[in-house]
Protein backbone atom coordinates (compact mmCIF):
# COMPACT_ATOMS: atom_id res chain seq x y z
CA MET A 1 -1.16 39.76 12.29
CA PRO A 2 -1.58 40.75 8.62
CA LEU A 3 -3.58 38.32 6.46
CA LEU A 4 -0.56 37.42 4.33
CA ALA A 5 1.40 36.49 7.46
CA ARG A 6 -1.52 34.39 8.72
CA VAL A 7 -1.66 32.49 5.43
CA PHE A 8 2.10 31.92 5.47
CA VAL A 9 2.03 30.58 9.04
CA ALA A 10 -0.93 28.33 8.20
CA ALA A 11 0.86 26.86 5.18
CA LEU A 12 3.98 26.13 7.24
CA ALA A 13 1.80 24.56 9.95
CA GLY A 14 0.14 22.29 7.36
CA ILE A 15 3.51 21.12 6.06
CA ALA A 16 4.72 20.51 9.63
CA ALA A 17 1.58 18.49 10.41
CA ALA A 18 2.18 16.27 7.37
CA ALA A 19 5.83 15.80 8.34
CA SER A 20 4.58 14.32 11.63
CA PHE A 21 3.28 11.27 9.75
CA GLU A 22 5.09 8.45 8.01
CA PRO A 23 7.50 8.32 6.27
CA ILE A 24 9.16 11.42 7.83
CA ARG A 25 7.62 10.85 11.26
CA TRP A 26 8.64 14.03 13.08
CA VAL A 27 5.64 13.33 15.27
CA TYR A 28 6.44 15.80 18.02
CA LEU A 29 5.92 18.62 15.54
CA LEU A 30 2.21 17.82 15.57
CA PRO A 31 1.07 19.84 18.62
CA PHE A 32 3.19 22.77 17.42
CA ALA A 33 1.45 22.60 14.03
CA VAL A 34 -1.89 22.76 15.86
CA ALA A 35 -0.58 25.69 17.91
CA ALA A 36 0.62 27.56 14.81
CA LEU A 37 -2.74 27.19 13.08
CA THR A 38 -4.49 28.38 16.24
CA VAL A 39 -2.31 31.50 16.42
CA ALA A 40 -2.92 32.19 12.71
CA THR A 41 -6.70 32.15 13.17
CA LEU A 42 -7.16 33.90 16.53
CA GLY A 43 -8.30 37.49 16.44
CA THR A 44 -9.47 37.63 12.85
CA THR A 45 -12.85 37.49 11.10
CA LEU A 46 -14.84 34.35 10.35
CA ARG A 47 -14.21 34.73 6.63
CA ARG A 48 -10.48 35.09 7.06
CA GLY A 49 -10.48 32.20 9.52
CA PHE A 50 -12.02 30.01 6.82
CA LEU A 51 -9.34 31.10 4.35
CA VAL A 52 -6.49 30.47 6.80
CA GLY A 53 -7.87 27.04 7.73
CA THR A 54 -8.27 26.10 4.07
CA VAL A 55 -4.65 27.04 3.36
CA PHE A 56 -3.53 24.91 6.30
CA GLY A 57 -5.62 21.92 5.19
CA SER A 58 -4.55 22.14 1.57
CA ALA A 59 -0.85 22.37 2.48
CA PHE A 60 -1.31 19.50 4.96
CA MET A 61 -2.97 17.20 2.44
CA LEU A 62 -0.73 18.10 -0.50
CA THR A 63 2.30 17.20 1.65
CA LEU A 64 0.70 14.09 3.17
CA LEU A 65 -0.77 12.55 0.01
CA PRO A 66 1.80 12.83 -2.81
CA TRP A 67 1.40 9.05 -3.26
CA LEU A 68 -1.84 9.85 -5.09
CA GLN A 69 0.28 11.09 -8.00
CA VAL A 70 0.56 7.42 -8.96
CA ILE A 71 -3.08 7.73 -10.04
CA GLY A 72 -2.54 11.20 -11.44
CA PRO A 73 -1.42 14.69 -10.35
CA ASP A 74 -4.97 15.91 -10.87
CA ALA A 75 -6.31 13.33 -8.39
CA TRP A 76 -3.68 14.36 -5.82
CA ILE A 77 -4.39 18.07 -6.16
CA ALA A 78 -8.18 17.75 -6.37
CA LEU A 79 -8.52 15.54 -3.29
CA SER A 80 -6.09 17.69 -1.30
CA LEU A 81 -7.97 20.89 -2.08
CA ILE A 82 -11.35 19.32 -1.31
CA GLU A 83 -10.08 18.02 2.02
CA GLY A 84 -8.55 21.42 2.67
CA LEU A 85 -12.04 22.94 2.72
CA PHE A 86 -12.90 20.90 5.82
CA TYR A 87 -10.02 22.58 7.62
CA GLY A 88 -11.47 25.88 6.44
CA LEU A 89 -14.43 25.02 8.67
CA LEU A 90 -11.92 24.38 11.46
CA GLY A 91 -10.44 27.85 10.98
CA LEU A 92 -13.88 29.44 10.94
CA GLY A 93 -14.91 27.54 14.04
CA THR A 94 -11.70 28.48 15.83
CA VAL A 95 -12.47 32.18 15.34
CA ALA A 96 -15.96 31.65 16.75
CA VAL A 97 -15.07 29.62 19.85
CA SER A 98 -12.03 31.75 20.72
CA ARG A 99 -14.52 34.30 22.08
CA LEU A 100 -15.50 31.89 24.84
CA PRO A 101 -13.86 31.11 28.19
CA GLY A 102 -11.97 27.83 28.04
CA TRP A 103 -11.34 28.18 24.29
CA PRO A 104 -8.42 25.69 24.21
CA LEU A 105 -10.90 22.92 25.07
CA TRP A 106 -13.43 23.97 22.44
CA ILE A 107 -10.80 24.23 19.68
CA ALA A 108 -9.57 20.73 20.54
CA CYS A 109 -13.18 19.51 20.23
CA LEU A 110 -13.36 21.23 16.85
CA TRP A 111 -10.50 19.09 15.56
CA VAL A 112 -12.51 15.99 16.41
CA GLY A 113 -15.66 17.41 14.82
CA VAL A 114 -13.92 18.30 11.58
CA GLU A 115 -12.22 14.90 11.38
CA THR A 116 -15.57 13.23 12.00
CA LEU A 117 -17.16 15.25 9.21
CA ARG A 118 -14.48 14.63 6.61
CA GLY A 119 -14.40 10.95 7.58
CA THR A 120 -18.09 10.76 6.70
CA VAL A 121 -18.71 12.91 3.61
CA PRO A 122 -18.62 12.87 0.67
CA PHE A 123 -19.01 9.26 -0.51
CA GLY A 124 -18.31 7.82 2.92
CA GLY A 125 -15.49 10.23 3.70
CA PHE A 126 -11.69 10.09 3.78
CA PRO A 127 -10.27 9.84 7.33
CA TRP A 128 -6.63 9.65 6.24
CA GLY A 129 -4.51 12.16 8.14
CA ARG A 130 -6.39 12.23 11.45
CA LEU A 131 -4.09 13.56 14.16
CA ALA A 132 -4.50 10.28 16.03
CA TYR A 133 -2.96 8.30 13.16
CA ALA A 134 0.44 9.96 13.68
CA THR A 135 0.81 8.95 17.33
CA VAL A 136 2.20 5.41 17.10
CA ASP A 137 5.21 4.94 19.44
CA THR A 138 4.31 8.04 21.49
CA PRO A 139 3.02 8.30 25.07
CA VAL A 140 -0.40 9.25 23.67
CA ALA A 141 -0.89 6.06 21.63
CA PRO A 142 -2.10 3.88 24.57
CA LEU A 143 -5.06 6.23 24.88
CA PHE A 144 -6.53 4.44 21.84
CA ALA A 145 -7.47 1.57 24.17
CA TYR A 146 -9.51 3.91 26.38
CA THR A 147 -11.14 6.40 24.01
CA GLY A 148 -10.58 5.30 20.42
CA ALA A 149 -9.12 7.58 17.76
CA ALA A 150 -11.35 10.59 18.55
CA GLY A 151 -10.04 10.85 22.08
CA VAL A 152 -6.46 10.70 20.85
CA THR A 153 -7.03 13.48 18.32
CA PHE A 154 -8.58 15.57 21.11
CA ALA A 155 -5.55 14.95 23.33
CA VAL A 156 -3.03 15.99 20.66
CA ALA A 157 -5.02 19.07 19.70
CA LEU A 158 -5.42 20.04 23.35
CA VAL A 159 -1.66 20.06 23.85
CA GLY A 160 -1.35 22.41 20.87
CA THR A 161 -4.07 24.83 22.03
CA VAL A 162 -2.75 24.89 25.60
CA LEU A 163 0.67 25.84 24.20
CA VAL A 164 -0.97 28.93 22.68
CA TRP A 165 -2.88 29.68 25.89
CA ALA A 166 0.37 29.44 27.85
CA GLY A 167 2.17 31.66 25.37
CA PHE A 168 -0.32 34.45 25.99
CA ARG A 169 0.26 34.23 29.76
CA VAL A 170 3.94 33.42 30.06
CA ARG A 171 4.98 37.02 30.78
CA ARG A 172 2.26 37.81 33.31
CA ALA A 173 2.16 34.42 35.04
CA PRO A 174 5.06 32.18 33.95
CA ALA A 175 4.46 29.58 36.67
CA ARG A 176 0.80 29.24 35.70
CA ALA A 177 1.66 28.97 32.01
CA LEU A 178 4.32 26.32 32.56
CA GLY A 179 2.06 24.44 34.98
CA GLY A 180 -0.72 24.37 32.42
CA ILE A 181 1.54 22.84 29.78
CA VAL A 182 2.96 20.24 32.16
CA ALA A 183 -0.46 19.30 33.52
CA THR A 184 -1.90 18.89 30.02
CA CYS A 185 1.00 16.74 28.81
CA LEU A 186 0.72 14.52 31.88
CA LEU A 187 -3.03 14.21 31.45
CA VAL A 188 -2.94 13.15 27.79
CA SER A 189 -0.13 10.65 28.38
CA VAL A 190 -1.52 9.06 31.55
CA ALA A 191 -2.73 6.02 29.59
CA SER A 192 0.89 5.08 28.87
CA ALA A 193 1.37 4.52 32.61
CA PHE A 194 -1.66 2.23 32.73
CA PRO A 195 -1.73 0.27 29.44
CA LEU A 196 -4.82 -1.92 29.10
CA HIS A 197 -3.18 -4.67 27.10
CA GLN A 198 -0.15 -5.47 29.24
CA PRO A 199 -0.13 -9.32 29.40
CA SER A 200 0.13 -10.93 32.81
CA PRO A 201 2.83 -13.61 33.17
CA ASN A 202 0.32 -15.90 34.90
CA GLU A 203 -2.46 -15.27 32.41
CA ASP A 204 -3.82 -18.42 30.78
CA ARG A 205 -5.17 -17.53 27.35
CA SER A 206 -5.78 -19.51 24.22
CA SER A 207 -3.54 -18.96 21.23
CA VAL A 208 -3.50 -19.62 17.51
CA THR A 209 -0.72 -19.95 14.95
CA VAL A 210 -1.28 -17.92 11.80
CA ALA A 211 0.67 -17.60 8.57
CA ALA A 212 0.61 -14.45 6.40
CA VAL A 213 1.67 -14.91 2.78
CA GLN A 214 3.27 -12.06 0.84
CA GLY A 215 3.49 -13.53 -2.65
CA ASN A 216 5.04 -10.47 -4.32
CA VAL A 217 3.96 -8.63 -7.45
CA PRO A 218 6.13 -8.28 -10.58
CA GLY A 219 5.26 -4.62 -11.21
CA GLU A 220 4.10 -1.52 -9.39
CA GLY A 221 2.09 1.62 -9.97
CA MET A 222 -1.01 1.47 -12.09
CA ASP A 223 0.43 -1.51 -14.01
CA ALA A 224 1.20 -3.59 -10.93
CA PHE A 225 -1.41 -6.20 -11.81
CA ALA A 226 -0.84 -6.37 -15.55
CA GLU A 227 0.40 -9.95 -15.03
CA ARG A 228 -2.54 -11.19 -13.00
CA ARG A 229 -1.73 -14.86 -13.39
CA VAL A 230 1.82 -14.32 -12.13
CA VAL A 231 0.47 -12.72 -8.95
CA LEU A 232 -1.75 -15.72 -8.28
CA ASP A 233 1.06 -18.16 -9.07
CA ASN A 234 3.35 -16.35 -6.61
CA HIS A 235 0.87 -16.82 -3.76
CA VAL A 236 0.22 -20.43 -4.73
CA SER A 237 3.95 -21.25 -4.85
CA ALA A 238 4.64 -19.45 -1.54
CA THR A 239 1.88 -21.47 0.14
CA LYS A 240 3.21 -24.73 -1.27
CA THR A 241 6.69 -23.83 -0.03
CA LEU A 242 5.17 -23.23 3.42
CA ALA A 243 3.58 -26.69 3.24
CA ASP A 244 6.95 -28.24 2.34
CA ARG A 245 8.64 -26.52 5.26
CA VAL A 246 5.93 -27.71 7.64
CA ASP A 247 6.31 -31.29 6.36
CA ALA A 248 10.08 -31.06 6.83
CA GLY A 249 9.65 -29.85 10.42
CA LEU A 250 11.26 -26.47 9.64
CA THR A 251 8.15 -24.39 10.36
CA ARG A 252 5.23 -24.71 12.76
CA GLN A 253 1.94 -25.92 11.31
CA PRO A 254 -0.35 -22.88 11.15
CA ASP A 255 -4.00 -23.09 12.13
CA PHE A 256 -4.86 -21.04 9.07
CA VAL A 257 -3.21 -18.95 6.35
CA ILE A 258 -3.93 -15.37 5.21
CA TRP A 259 -3.48 -14.27 1.61
CA PRO A 260 -3.66 -10.54 0.79
CA GLU A 261 -6.24 -8.53 -1.11
CA ASN A 262 -6.02 -9.15 -4.87
CA SER A 263 -4.03 -12.34 -4.43
CA THR A 264 -6.14 -13.39 -7.40
CA ASP A 265 -7.55 -10.75 -9.70
CA ILE A 266 -9.04 -13.54 -11.79
CA ASP A 267 -12.43 -14.76 -10.58
CA PRO A 268 -11.87 -18.34 -9.35
CA PHE A 269 -15.55 -19.11 -9.90
CA ALA A 270 -15.30 -18.09 -13.56
CA ASP A 271 -11.93 -19.71 -14.37
CA PRO A 272 -11.66 -23.43 -13.45
CA THR A 273 -7.86 -23.37 -13.66
CA VAL A 274 -7.64 -20.60 -11.05
CA TYR A 275 -10.02 -22.52 -8.79
CA ALA A 276 -7.90 -25.66 -9.21
CA ASP A 277 -4.62 -23.88 -8.45
CA ILE A 278 -6.00 -22.33 -5.26
CA GLN A 279 -7.47 -25.64 -4.15
CA GLU A 280 -4.16 -27.39 -4.76
CA ALA A 281 -2.30 -24.88 -2.59
CA VAL A 282 -4.91 -25.12 0.19
CA ASP A 283 -4.85 -28.91 0.12
CA ALA A 284 -1.05 -28.86 0.28
CA VAL A 285 -0.93 -26.74 3.45
CA GLY A 286 -3.88 -28.66 4.92
CA VAL A 287 -5.59 -25.74 6.72
CA PRO A 288 -8.07 -23.03 5.69
CA VAL A 289 -6.70 -20.14 3.63
CA LEU A 290 -8.28 -16.67 3.48
CA VAL A 291 -8.04 -15.84 -0.22
CA GLY A 292 -8.32 -12.23 -1.43
CA ALA A 293 -10.19 -12.44 -4.72
CA MET A 294 -11.91 -10.21 -7.23
CA VAL A 295 -15.22 -11.91 -8.01
CA ASP A 296 -17.81 -11.07 -10.64
CA GLY A 297 -20.80 -9.20 -9.20
CA PRO A 298 -24.48 -9.92 -9.67
CA GLU A 299 -24.55 -7.47 -12.61
CA PRO A 300 -22.17 -7.53 -15.63
CA ASP A 301 -20.77 -4.11 -14.73
CA GLU A 302 -20.14 -4.97 -11.07
CA VAL A 303 -17.31 -6.67 -9.20
CA LEU A 304 -16.85 -7.80 -5.58
CA ASN A 305 -13.66 -7.52 -3.54
CA GLN A 306 -13.83 -10.54 -1.27
CA GLY A 307 -12.01 -12.43 1.42
CA ILE A 308 -12.95 -16.10 0.89
CA VAL A 309 -12.34 -18.81 3.48
CA TRP A 310 -11.03 -21.66 1.34
CA HIS A 311 -11.04 -25.08 3.01
CA PRO A 312 -8.97 -28.16 2.21
CA THR A 313 -10.95 -30.66 0.11
CA THR A 314 -14.31 -28.86 0.34
CA GLY A 315 -13.21 -25.57 -1.21
CA PRO A 316 -14.66 -22.06 -0.69
CA GLY A 317 -16.91 -21.35 2.27
CA GLU A 318 -17.71 -18.08 4.09
CA ARG A 319 -16.95 -14.80 2.36
CA TYR A 320 -16.56 -11.15 3.29
CA SER A 321 -17.25 -8.50 0.63
CA LYS A 322 -15.48 -5.18 1.12
CA LYS A 323 -18.02 -2.78 2.63
CA HIS A 324 -16.25 0.50 1.87
CA PRO A 325 -14.98 0.63 -1.73
CA VAL A 326 -12.83 3.64 -2.60
CA PRO A 327 -14.66 6.24 -4.73
CA PHE A 328 -12.91 6.97 -8.03
CA GLY A 329 -10.54 4.09 -7.26
CA GLU A 330 -12.86 1.10 -7.04
CA TYR A 331 -16.10 2.64 -8.27
CA ILE A 332 -17.07 5.82 -10.10
CA PRO A 333 -19.79 8.02 -8.59
CA PHE A 334 -21.95 9.66 -11.24
CA ARG A 335 -20.27 7.52 -13.87
CA ASP A 336 -22.71 8.39 -16.66
CA GLN A 337 -21.98 12.09 -16.33
CA LEU A 338 -18.27 12.05 -15.42
CA ALA A 339 -17.13 9.40 -17.90
CA LYS A 340 -17.99 11.76 -20.75
CA LEU A 341 -15.66 14.41 -19.31
CA PHE A 342 -12.79 12.22 -18.07
CA THR A 343 -11.88 9.34 -20.37
CA ARG A 344 -9.29 8.14 -17.82
CA LEU A 345 -12.18 6.81 -15.75
CA ASP A 346 -12.46 4.02 -18.32
CA GLN A 347 -9.53 2.41 -16.49
CA ILE A 348 -12.15 1.30 -13.96
CA PRO A 349 -14.63 -0.44 -16.28
CA ARG A 350 -16.68 -2.03 -13.48
CA ASP A 351 -17.93 -0.59 -10.22
CA MET A 352 -17.17 -2.42 -7.00
CA ARG A 353 -20.37 -3.44 -5.24
CA PRO A 354 -20.15 -2.82 -1.47
CA GLY A 355 -20.79 -5.62 0.98
CA THR A 356 -23.44 -5.36 3.64
CA GLU A 357 -22.11 -7.54 6.49
CA PRO A 358 -19.07 -7.09 8.77
CA GLY A 359 -16.00 -9.19 8.03
CA LEU A 360 -16.59 -11.89 10.64
CA LEU A 361 -15.27 -15.22 9.39
CA GLU A 362 -14.57 -18.48 11.20
CA MET A 363 -11.28 -20.12 10.39
CA ASN A 364 -10.48 -23.45 12.01
CA GLY A 365 -12.39 -22.55 15.19
CA THR A 366 -11.13 -18.94 15.43
CA LEU A 367 -13.39 -16.00 14.64
CA ILE A 368 -11.39 -13.41 12.72
CA GLY A 369 -12.33 -9.85 11.82
CA ASP A 370 -11.40 -9.09 8.21
CA VAL A 371 -10.94 -5.53 6.94
CA ILE A 372 -9.63 -4.87 3.46
CA CYS A 373 -6.96 -2.26 2.68
CA PHE A 374 -8.17 1.33 3.33
CA GLU A 375 -10.98 0.00 5.51
CA VAL A 376 -8.51 -0.14 8.40
CA ALA A 377 -8.78 3.66 8.59
CA TYR A 378 -12.54 3.59 9.23
CA ASP A 379 -13.49 3.27 12.91
CA GLU A 380 -16.90 1.71 12.43
CA LEU A 381 -15.64 -1.21 10.33
CA VAL A 382 -13.05 -2.17 12.93
CA ARG A 383 -15.53 -1.73 15.79
CA ASP A 384 -18.11 -3.90 14.02
CA VAL A 385 -15.85 -6.95 13.86
CA VAL A 386 -14.55 -6.65 17.42
CA GLN A 387 -18.00 -6.09 18.88
CA GLY A 388 -19.14 -9.05 16.80
CA GLY A 389 -16.68 -11.31 18.63
CA ALA A 390 -13.56 -11.30 16.46
CA GLN A 391 -10.57 -12.68 18.36
CA LEU A 392 -8.04 -11.58 15.76
CA VAL A 393 -8.03 -8.68 13.28
CA VAL A 394 -6.81 -9.35 9.76
CA VAL A 395 -5.92 -6.63 7.26
CA GLN A 396 -5.85 -7.92 3.68
CA THR A 397 -4.24 -5.25 1.56
CA ASN A 398 -2.76 -4.62 -1.85
CA ASN A 399 -0.26 -1.79 -1.74
CA ALA A 400 1.50 -2.65 -4.99
CA THR A 401 0.19 0.52 -6.63
CA TYR A 402 1.84 2.65 -3.95
CA MET A 403 5.17 0.94 -3.42
CA GLY A 404 7.96 3.43 -2.81
CA THR A 405 5.55 6.03 -1.38
CA GLY A 406 4.47 7.07 2.10
CA GLN A 407 1.08 5.36 1.77
CA VAL A 408 2.51 1.96 2.65
CA GLU A 409 4.01 3.04 5.97
CA GLN A 410 1.06 5.29 6.80
CA GLN A 411 -1.34 2.38 6.48
CA PHE A 412 0.87 0.06 8.52
CA ALA A 413 1.02 2.68 11.30
CA ILE A 414 -2.79 2.77 11.40
CA SER A 415 -2.82 -1.04 11.67
CA ARG A 416 -0.51 -0.84 14.68
CA LEU A 417 -2.78 1.68 16.37
CA ARG A 418 -5.79 -0.56 15.68
CA ALA A 419 -4.05 -3.32 17.62
CA ILE A 420 -3.85 -1.03 20.65
CA GLU A 421 -7.46 0.06 20.25
CA THR A 422 -8.91 -3.43 19.80
CA GLY A 423 -6.69 -5.30 22.24
CA ARG A 424 -6.18 -7.89 19.51
CA SER A 425 -3.22 -9.00 17.49
CA VAL A 426 -3.40 -7.63 13.95
CA VAL A 427 -2.12 -9.67 11.01
CA VAL A 428 -1.40 -7.65 7.88
CA ALA A 429 -1.07 -9.61 4.63
CA ALA A 430 0.04 -7.45 1.68
CA THR A 431 0.83 -8.44 -1.88
CA ASN A 432 4.36 -7.06 -1.68
CA GLY A 433 4.54 -4.99 1.52
CA VAL A 434 4.13 -4.15 4.28
CA SER A 435 3.12 -7.51 5.73
CA GLY A 436 3.48 -8.00 9.46
CA VAL A 437 2.22 -9.40 12.73
CA ILE A 438 1.41 -6.85 15.45
CA ASP A 439 0.71 -7.62 19.10
CA PRO A 440 -2.08 -5.95 21.17
CA ARG A 441 0.35 -3.31 22.44
CA GLY A 442 1.02 -2.16 18.88
CA GLU A 443 4.49 -3.70 18.83
CA VAL A 444 5.63 -5.34 15.60
CA VAL A 445 6.35 -9.02 16.29
CA GLU A 446 7.54 -9.73 12.76
CA ARG A 447 7.62 -7.76 9.55
CA ALA A 448 8.38 -8.91 6.00
CA PRO A 449 10.75 -7.01 3.71
CA VAL A 450 8.92 -5.21 0.93
CA ARG A 451 9.06 -6.34 -2.73
CA SER A 452 9.86 -9.91 -1.76
CA GLN A 453 8.12 -13.25 -1.39
CA GLU A 454 7.80 -14.00 2.30
CA VAL A 455 5.70 -16.11 4.64
CA LEU A 456 5.35 -15.01 8.27
CA VAL A 457 4.37 -17.66 10.82
CA GLN A 458 3.58 -16.52 14.35
CA THR A 459 1.62 -17.75 17.37
CA VAL A 460 -0.63 -15.03 18.84
CA LEU A 461 -2.81 -14.88 21.94
CA LEU A 462 -6.58 -14.66 21.60
CA PRO A 463 -8.10 -12.22 24.11
CA ASP A 464 -11.53 -12.17 25.69
CA GLY A 465 -13.87 -9.22 26.08
CA VAL A 466 -14.28 -5.91 24.27
CA PRO A 467 -11.86 -3.08 25.19
CA LEU A 468 -13.18 0.22 26.54
CA GLY A 469 -12.05 2.16 23.45
CA ILE A 470 -14.17 -0.04 21.20
CA ARG A 471 -17.20 0.15 23.52
CA ILE A 472 -17.24 3.92 23.98
CA GLY A 473 -15.13 5.23 21.08
CA ALA A 474 -18.15 6.15 18.96
CA TRP A 475 -19.77 7.95 21.92
CA VAL A 476 -16.56 9.88 22.60
CA GLU A 477 -16.53 11.03 18.99
CA VAL A 478 -20.19 12.06 19.03
CA LEU A 479 -19.88 13.87 22.37
CA LEU A 480 -16.78 15.85 21.35
CA SER A 481 -18.27 16.69 17.94
CA LEU A 482 -21.55 17.90 19.46
CA THR A 483 -19.60 19.93 22.01
CA ALA A 484 -17.70 21.57 19.16
CA ALA A 485 -20.92 22.37 17.29
CA ALA A 486 -22.51 23.87 20.41
CA ALA A 487 -19.40 25.96 21.11
CA VAL A 488 -19.44 27.36 17.57
CA VAL A 489 -23.09 28.33 17.87
CA ILE A 490 -22.55 29.98 21.26
CA GLY A 491 -19.41 31.71 20.01
CA GLY A 492 -21.31 33.02 17.01
CA VAL A 493 -24.04 34.44 19.26
CA VAL A 494 -21.46 36.07 21.54
CA GLY A 495 -19.69 37.60 18.56
CA ARG A 496 -22.92 39.01 17.15
CA ARG A 497 -23.85 40.57 20.50
CA ARG A 498 -20.42 42.16 20.80
CA ARG A 499 -20.72 43.67 17.30
CA ARG A 500 -24.17 45.06 18.15
CA ARG A 501 -22.88 46.50 21.42
CA VAL A 502 -19.97 48.18 19.61
CA SER A 503 -22.27 49.63 16.95
CA VAL A 504 -24.64 51.01 19.61
CA ASP A 505 -21.95 52.37 21.93
CA THR A 506 -19.74 53.93 19.24
CA PRO A 507 -20.68 57.55 18.30
CA PRO A 508 -21.17 58.11 14.55
CA VAL A 509 -18.22 60.52 14.30
CA ALA A 510 -15.89 58.05 16.04
CA ALA A 511 -17.17 55.21 13.87
CA ALA A 512 -16.50 57.21 10.72
CA ALA A 513 -13.03 58.10 11.94
CA GLY A 514 -12.37 54.43 12.68
CA LYS A 515 -13.36 53.46 9.15
CA ARG A 516 -10.95 56.03 7.73
């Protein structure tokens, strides 16, 4: 295949991969996108494999992340191209491991290794766009409960690479080729026949009633929080309305209430009127409220993004500080150097200080696991709270900046998959969408309309134990990534030996003729 054709196929494959995610959600294109990239990289040089992979990754990210244009076209393009380089490593690795027997397995491992790498570096990584995050409502999704996200990515990639393997053999051995595809599809979807979180009708489990408040935001985009006091007032008034409905017998009394991230952008510990308004709303509903607040940090140029358990009468108690702030969104790496070059960075005058403890908070006798906004995409943060004993996962998020874009639905899809992985109900509280309550099977129990003031009240079961996917998910990721690294090394050695053998066995005259 000529290089130009390889690049063209890779670009189309990247666009198809992005179309597999929300909001388009043509998810069954995903293994074919993997297959197309594999075909475009097989049989070429390592250098060209890197180029082809980079084209795929750049096209993938540019199509997946247009919502970053809200921040600026330069941010969208820069991040997409940087992330594209990781897929260049995937293309390079694919060329290397394709020299080995069983190459479909090693290429599938490579997908996990590359996703692990780009979810780690730089600045803590950016795991958005993992193959696993497109699989909600597919037969592969229940595999989250057994292996975590890494195992699901491996399964999707394996289907794609086996399609290529079968394509090479379909003329010589059609039955074998078809059997390989069928066997692989059955293998990766076997978890759907044995879901871990199927509730038993005779199961006696404790439950809790939770309310999620979506107060609504008057604006959107970068100016969504220009009226900070209005945002707070909306969440206060929605909570008071909930209290009135409870008093009137129209709504069940919740055990606790969840407000979203940034439900107050004004530090309640610095402004007595904000503190008083929150306390009034909490006293009215009569149960603890998890308040999403921006709080002044220990230094004048620092800020904390916190979930604060606010009690009736006694006020604020336990807090969780966001552990994984977003680089260039919530803090500026190398601020002293970059601020001189990019004045737009002044829009973030203070750096968000990361927390150090997992988001384990007790609310009215229930231990919840709090993750804030983009943190839901990071495996280790979700694992930490569940392994720490969380009975319910809460996602406090502020998507007002991205309303009307694919980011909102992409994040909600990840939340649904986390419910399957953790075996817990997931409560998403957003400022103006998408808020929802998700059961442990990933099914949406209730969802609030976007851009509206809504309060969701649902009773959810509280499970016991830690699911297999949470216990071994990190080990699955490490094992598959190390397998990929070993395969690349071995493939590189095999390729070098073949080149030496060719150079030794080829007569000089024939070699010169070949060059011409």
